[in-house]
Amino acid sequence: MYRSKKLFVLFLSLILIVSLSACSNSSSTENKKDKKENSETSLETKYPLKVKDSYNREVTIEKEPQRVISLGPNITETIFALGKGNKLVGRTDFCDYPDDVKNISSIGSLQSPSIEKIIDLKPDLVIGSTHVEKGVIKKLEDLGIKVVCFYGQENFEGAYDTISKVGQVLNANDKSKEVVGNMKKKVEDITTKVANKGTPSVYYVIDFGKSGDFTAGKDTFIDKAITMAGGKNVAEDAIGWKYSVEKLLEKNPDILICSQYFDSKSRLKQSNGYKDLDAVKKEKLYEIDNNMLDRQGPRLADGLEALAKIIHPELFK
């Protein structure tokens, strides 16, 4: 009798332990589920949003913007890449990508946009970048128009940061994370592919002719991009953008790269000094869509890829 009673008590204890364990597991599962749901919803922007822009101004955005004006080509490209092109009601004359942007009203130039046109478009947010002057910002703010400016350091991290901030302001955090992630993967793939494959010397033509000769010196983003793409910038001895034909002839680079716009290639072939370079004589003068590299936006990784294909075409067959 005593032994049966003891077994009964032990049996009840086991049932209680199993029950508690099940409850604990259920609770743990629910907690994990809640955490996962919270993590998934945490990418939603909460308004009103206080954001510090690149001019170190704290701007409060009361609600999700529905009518946006872009004051920079990189910002315009970013807005479209984030799937928010339908919110764009105004852009500058220089915003030419993607093609859909042609259907959007222009408010003028980068540095001197038309205040009147901006007012007429009734934006609830104006987003600028590097070329927006503080005087323009003040005029707009005095008129009660909300303005933020985003630009980062001249590197990929700066571009990633700008894209992420525009994504936050426009409630497109998921998409900005995806865009940045894809860019990072492409950059990694390119740098891995060109690693230890030689470094042809490269001269990147910014401008030439009567106005002077300009290229990308060692302190520029394009210099970094040439290195990342597996080349050696012959103008690394320059700071800034100014260069000379005499130096260029002395360096005699393996490759010349110029803009695909403004008929640059054919003009270079006839230009004094340039036409005497081995790269020109040997058909090593290439065109590139320089907007992909000049603009701190979502096409920056595509620009790096285009650069790498010129410098190391054998790796991209």
Protein backbone atom coordinates (compact mmCIF):
# COMPACT_ATOMS: atom_id res chain seq x y z
CA MET A 1 0.00 0.00 0.00
CA TYR A 2 2.75 2.40 0.97
CA ARG A 3 4.69 1.51 -2.20
CA SER A 4 1.60 2.15 -4.41
CA LYS A 5 1.05 5.52 -2.73
CA LYS A 6 4.67 6.45 -3.31
CA LEU A 7 4.44 5.51 -6.99
CA PHE A 8 1.24 7.56 -7.32
CA VAL A 9 2.95 10.65 -5.87
CA LEU A 10 5.92 10.17 -8.19
CA PHE A 11 3.54 9.85 -11.16
CA LEU A 12 1.78 13.12 -10.24
CA SER A 13 5.15 14.85 -9.90
CA LEU A 14 6.18 13.74 -13.39
CA ILE A 15 2.90 15.01 -14.85
CA LEU A 16 3.44 18.37 -13.11
CA ILE A 17 7.02 18.66 -14.43
CA VAL A 18 5.94 17.85 -17.99
CA SER A 19 3.08 20.36 -17.76
CA LEU A 20 5.34 23.12 -16.46
CA SER A 21 7.89 22.33 -19.15
CA ALA A 22 5.22 22.53 -21.84
CA CYS A 23 3.98 25.84 -20.48
CA SER A 24 7.53 27.14 -20.34
CA ASN A 25 8.20 26.04 -23.91
CA SER A 26 4.91 27.56 -25.04
CA SER A 27 5.74 30.81 -23.25
CA SER A 28 9.23 30.80 -24.75
CA THR A 29 7.79 30.18 -28.21
CA GLU A 30 5.31 33.01 -27.76
CA ASN A 31 8.07 35.35 -26.54
CA LYS A 32 10.22 34.47 -29.56
CA LYS A 33 7.23 35.00 -31.81
CA ASP A 34 6.52 38.39 -30.22
CA LYS A 35 10.18 39.38 -30.53
CA LYS A 36 10.21 38.32 -34.18
CA GLU A 37 7.02 40.28 -34.89
CA ASN A 38 8.40 43.34 -33.09
CA SER A 39 11.65 43.00 -35.04
CA GLU A 40 9.73 42.82 -38.30
CA THR A 41 7.57 45.86 -37.52
CA SER A 42 10.49 47.88 -36.14
CA LEU A 43 11.51 48.81 -39.71
CA GLU A 44 8.39 50.95 -40.00
CA THR A 45 9.21 54.65 -39.54
CA LYS A 46 7.44 56.21 -36.57
CA TYR A 47 6.17 59.75 -37.00
CA PRO A 48 6.65 62.43 -35.89
CA LEU A 49 10.28 61.74 -36.82
CA LYS A 50 13.19 63.82 -35.58
CA VAL A 51 16.14 63.57 -37.93
CA LYS A 52 19.53 65.31 -38.00
CA ASP A 53 20.56 66.23 -41.53
CA SER A 54 23.99 66.82 -43.03
CA TYR A 55 23.95 70.49 -42.06
CA ASN A 56 23.60 69.31 -38.44
CA ARG A 57 20.04 70.65 -38.32
CA GLU A 58 17.41 68.76 -36.33
CA VAL A 59 14.27 68.57 -38.44
CA THR A 60 10.94 67.17 -37.25
CA ILE A 61 8.81 65.47 -39.89
CA GLU A 62 5.28 65.25 -38.52
CA LYS A 63 3.90 62.55 -40.82
CA GLU A 64 4.89 60.40 -43.78
CA PRO A 65 5.63 62.75 -46.73
CA GLN A 66 3.25 62.44 -49.66
CA ARG A 67 4.50 65.29 -51.90
CA VAL A 68 8.29 65.40 -52.20
CA ILE A 69 10.66 67.63 -54.17
CA SER A 70 14.24 66.49 -54.85
CA LEU A 71 17.08 69.01 -55.13
CA GLY A 72 19.70 66.52 -56.31
CA PRO A 73 20.06 63.85 -59.03
CA ASN A 74 21.33 61.32 -56.49
CA ILE A 75 18.32 61.98 -54.27
CA THR A 76 15.95 61.59 -57.22
CA GLU A 77 17.57 58.27 -58.19
CA THR A 78 17.38 57.11 -54.57
CA ILE A 79 13.69 57.97 -54.28
CA PHE A 80 12.90 55.91 -57.38
CA ALA A 81 15.12 53.02 -56.23
CA LEU A 82 13.17 52.98 -52.96
CA GLY A 83 9.89 52.62 -54.86
CA LYS A 84 8.67 56.08 -53.84
CA GLY A 85 8.78 57.75 -57.26
CA ASN A 86 5.01 58.28 -57.11
CA LYS A 87 5.58 60.77 -54.27
CA LEU A 88 7.99 62.91 -56.28
CA VAL A 89 6.30 66.09 -57.54
CA GLY A 90 9.39 68.14 -58.36
CA ARG A 91 13.05 67.71 -59.40
CA THR A 92 15.96 69.71 -60.81
CA ASP A 93 16.99 70.15 -64.45
CA PHE A 94 19.89 67.76 -63.79
CA CYS A 95 17.70 64.90 -62.57
CA ASP A 96 17.59 62.72 -65.69
CA TYR A 97 17.41 59.17 -64.37
CA PRO A 98 15.34 57.01 -64.51
CA ASP A 99 13.31 57.84 -67.65
CA ASP A 100 10.12 58.30 -65.61
CA VAL A 101 11.62 61.45 -64.11
CA LYS A 102 10.94 63.30 -67.39
CA ASN A 103 7.25 63.34 -66.45
CA ILE A 104 7.96 65.26 -63.24
CA SER A 105 8.03 69.06 -63.07
CA SER A 106 11.44 70.74 -62.92
CA ILE A 107 12.08 73.49 -60.38
CA GLY A 108 15.30 74.70 -62.03
CA SER A 109 18.98 74.31 -61.24
CA LEU A 110 20.73 72.67 -58.30
CA GLN A 111 22.09 75.80 -56.65
CA SER A 112 19.40 78.28 -57.64
CA PRO A 113 16.05 76.48 -57.81
CA SER A 114 12.89 78.49 -58.43
CA ILE A 115 11.31 79.22 -55.06
CA GLU A 116 8.06 80.17 -56.83
CA LYS A 117 7.84 76.79 -58.60
CA ILE A 118 8.54 74.96 -55.36
CA ILE A 119 5.74 76.87 -53.62
CA ASP A 120 3.31 76.12 -56.48
CA LEU A 121 3.99 72.37 -56.15
CA LYS A 122 2.92 72.45 -52.47
CA PRO A 123 5.49 69.93 -51.15
CA ASP A 124 5.35 68.61 -47.62
CA LEU A 125 9.09 67.82 -47.83
CA VAL A 126 12.05 69.03 -49.89
CA ILE A 127 15.13 66.76 -49.88
CA GLY A 128 18.47 68.21 -50.92
CA SER A 129 22.05 67.03 -51.16
CA THR A 130 25.55 68.52 -51.49
CA HIS A 131 24.84 71.49 -53.77
CA VAL A 132 21.94 73.04 -51.88
CA GLU A 133 22.94 76.42 -50.46
CA LYS A 134 21.95 77.41 -46.94
CA GLY A 135 20.32 80.56 -48.29
CA VAL A 136 17.89 78.45 -50.31
CA ILE A 137 17.08 76.35 -47.24
CA LYS A 138 16.37 79.47 -45.16
CA LYS A 139 14.08 80.95 -47.81
CA LEU A 140 12.06 77.74 -47.98
CA GLU A 141 11.88 77.34 -44.21
CA ASP A 142 10.77 80.97 -43.79
CA LEU A 143 7.88 80.05 -46.09
CA GLY A 144 7.00 77.10 -43.87
CA ILE A 145 8.38 74.42 -46.23
CA LYS A 146 10.16 71.51 -44.55
CA VAL A 147 13.70 70.84 -45.88
CA VAL A 148 16.31 68.16 -45.12
CA CYS A 149 19.70 67.68 -46.78
CA PHE A 150 21.55 64.37 -46.91
CA TYR A 151 25.05 63.71 -48.20
CA GLY A 152 27.80 61.48 -46.88
CA GLN A 153 31.55 61.13 -47.19
CA GLU A 154 32.82 60.53 -50.72
CA ASN A 155 32.89 56.76 -50.45
CA PHE A 156 30.49 53.85 -50.56
CA GLU A 157 29.70 54.15 -46.86
CA GLY A 158 28.60 57.73 -47.47
CA ALA A 159 26.25 56.57 -50.23
CA TYR A 160 24.84 53.79 -48.05
CA ASP A 161 24.18 56.28 -45.26
CA THR A 162 22.37 58.72 -47.57
CA ILE A 163 20.17 55.97 -49.02
CA SER A 164 19.31 54.71 -45.52
CA LYS A 165 18.38 58.20 -44.30
CA VAL A 166 16.17 58.92 -47.31
CA GLY A 167 14.57 55.51 -46.71
CA GLN A 168 13.87 56.41 -43.09
CA VAL A 169 12.32 59.78 -43.93
CA LEU A 170 10.07 58.28 -46.63
CA ASN A 171 9.12 55.19 -44.61
CA ALA A 172 10.98 52.87 -46.99
CA ASN A 173 13.36 51.25 -44.49
CA ASP A 174 12.89 47.71 -45.81
CA LYS A 175 13.60 48.79 -49.37
CA SER A 176 16.61 50.91 -48.42
CA LYS A 177 18.05 47.95 -46.53
CA GLU A 178 17.56 45.80 -49.64
CA VAL A 179 19.13 48.39 -51.97
CA VAL A 180 22.16 48.87 -49.74
CA GLY A 181 22.51 45.10 -49.27
CA ASN A 182 22.52 44.52 -53.04
CA MET A 183 25.09 47.28 -53.52
CA LYS A 184 27.38 45.81 -50.87
CA LYS A 185 27.17 42.36 -52.43
CA LYS A 186 28.02 43.70 -55.91
CA VAL A 187 30.98 45.68 -54.54
CA GLU A 188 32.27 42.61 -52.70
CA ASP A 189 31.92 40.44 -55.81
CA ILE A 190 33.82 42.95 -57.95
CA THR A 191 36.69 43.55 -55.52
CA THR A 192 37.08 39.80 -55.01
CA LYS A 193 37.14 39.19 -58.76
CA VAL A 194 39.85 41.80 -59.52
CA ALA A 195 42.04 41.02 -56.51
CA ASN A 196 45.63 40.12 -57.47
CA LYS A 197 44.89 40.36 -61.19
CA GLY A 198 47.31 43.18 -62.01
CA THR A 199 46.79 46.93 -61.94
CA PRO A 200 46.78 48.65 -65.36
CA SER A 201 47.45 52.39 -65.16
CA VAL A 202 44.34 54.51 -65.70
CA TYR A 203 43.66 58.17 -66.43
CA TYR A 204 40.08 59.33 -65.84
CA VAL A 205 39.16 62.35 -67.97
CA ILE A 206 36.91 64.86 -66.21
CA ASP A 207 37.47 67.72 -68.66
CA PHE A 208 40.02 68.94 -71.17
CA GLY A 209 40.65 71.67 -73.71
CA LYS A 210 40.63 75.46 -73.41
CA SER A 211 39.09 75.41 -69.93
CA GLY A 212 41.99 73.27 -68.65
CA ASP A 213 42.72 69.61 -67.97
CA PHE A 214 40.93 67.95 -65.09
CA THR A 215 41.01 64.45 -63.65
CA ALA A 216 40.42 62.65 -60.34
CA GLY A 217 43.24 63.23 -57.85
CA LYS A 218 44.16 60.99 -54.94
CA ASP A 219 41.65 62.54 -52.54
CA THR A 220 38.59 61.84 -54.72
CA PHE A 221 36.03 59.06 -54.76
CA ILE A 222 36.88 58.18 -58.37
CA ASP A 223 40.49 57.55 -57.35
CA LYS A 224 39.21 55.07 -54.74
CA ALA A 225 36.89 53.49 -57.31
CA ILE A 226 39.73 52.98 -59.81
CA THR A 227 41.72 51.17 -57.11
CA MET A 228 38.70 49.06 -56.09
CA ALA A 229 38.14 48.17 -59.77
CA GLY A 230 41.67 46.80 -60.06
CA GLY A 231 43.48 49.75 -61.62
CA LYS A 232 46.15 52.29 -60.67
CA ASN A 233 45.25 55.97 -60.97
CA VAL A 234 48.13 57.76 -62.74
CA ALA A 235 46.90 61.05 -61.24
CA GLU A 236 47.41 59.87 -57.66
CA ASP A 237 50.16 62.49 -57.43
CA ALA A 238 47.52 65.24 -57.73
CA ILE A 239 45.21 66.65 -55.08
CA GLY A 240 41.79 67.68 -56.29
CA TRP A 241 40.97 67.81 -59.97
CA LYS A 242 43.58 69.90 -61.83
CA TYR A 243 46.18 68.17 -64.00
CA SER A 244 48.36 68.88 -67.04
CA VAL A 245 48.84 67.32 -70.47
CA GLU A 246 52.61 67.36 -69.91
CA LYS A 247 52.30 65.15 -66.82
CA LEU A 248 49.85 62.91 -68.63
CA LEU A 249 52.20 62.40 -71.58
CA GLU A 250 54.99 61.57 -69.14
CA LYS A 251 52.84 58.97 -67.35
CA ASN A 252 51.46 57.58 -70.66
CA PRO A 253 48.74 55.43 -69.01
CA ASP A 254 47.56 52.04 -70.28
CA ILE A 255 43.91 53.11 -70.30
CA LEU A 256 41.99 56.37 -70.78
CA ILE A 257 38.40 56.68 -69.59
CA CYS A 258 36.09 59.55 -70.53
CA SER A 259 32.41 60.45 -70.30
CA GLN A 260 30.02 58.95 -72.82
CA TYR A 261 28.40 62.36 -73.06
CA PHE A 262 29.40 65.57 -74.90
CA ASP A 263 31.13 63.67 -77.70
CA SER A 264 34.19 63.36 -75.43
CA LYS A 265 35.78 60.35 -77.10
CA SER A 266 35.94 61.74 -80.63
CA ARG A 267 37.12 65.14 -79.37
CA LEU A 268 39.87 63.54 -77.29
CA LYS A 269 41.18 61.68 -80.33
CA GLN A 270 41.80 65.02 -82.01
CA SER A 271 42.98 66.97 -78.97
CA ASN A 272 46.60 68.10 -78.66
CA GLY A 273 48.58 65.87 -76.33
CA TYR A 274 45.83 63.30 -75.86
CA LYS A 275 46.01 62.07 -79.45
CA ASP A 276 49.71 61.24 -78.89
CA LEU A 277 49.04 58.88 -75.97
CA ASP A 278 49.58 55.16 -76.54
CA ALA A 279 46.16 54.43 -75.04
CA VAL A 280 44.51 56.51 -77.76
CA LYS A 281 46.63 55.05 -80.54
CA LYS A 282 45.99 51.49 -79.36
CA GLU A 283 42.23 51.97 -79.01
CA LYS A 284 42.37 51.86 -75.21
CA LEU A 285 40.19 54.94 -74.86
CA TYR A 286 36.85 53.96 -73.32
CA GLU A 287 33.58 55.71 -72.53
CA ILE A 288 31.62 55.36 -69.32
CA ASP A 289 28.33 56.71 -67.99
CA ASN A 290 30.04 58.99 -65.49
CA ASN A 291 26.73 59.82 -63.77
CA MET A 292 26.91 56.41 -62.12
CA LEU A 293 30.18 57.40 -60.42
CA ASP A 294 29.60 61.13 -59.96
CA ARG A 295 26.31 60.74 -58.10
CA GLN A 296 26.23 59.40 -54.56
CA GLY A 297 23.28 57.16 -55.19
CA PRO A 298 22.07 53.59 -55.77
CA ARG A 299 23.89 53.21 -59.13
CA LEU A 300 27.32 53.66 -57.56
CA ALA A 301 27.97 49.90 -57.46
CA ASP A 302 26.94 49.67 -61.14
CA GLY A 303 29.48 52.40 -61.88
CA LEU A 304 32.19 50.42 -60.12
CA GLU A 305 31.26 47.36 -62.16
CA ALA A 306 31.42 49.36 -65.43
CA LEU A 307 34.85 50.64 -64.39
CA ALA A 308 36.10 47.13 -63.57
CA LYS A 309 34.87 45.81 -66.93
CA ILE A 310 36.94 48.46 -68.70
CA ILE A 311 40.07 47.83 -66.63
CA HIS A 312 39.77 44.01 -66.53
CA PRO A 313 37.50 42.96 -69.43
CA GLU A 314 38.98 39.44 -69.36
CA LEU A 315 37.34 38.82 -65.98
CA PHE A 316 33.82 39.66 -67.13
CA LYS A 317 33.41 37.52 -70.24
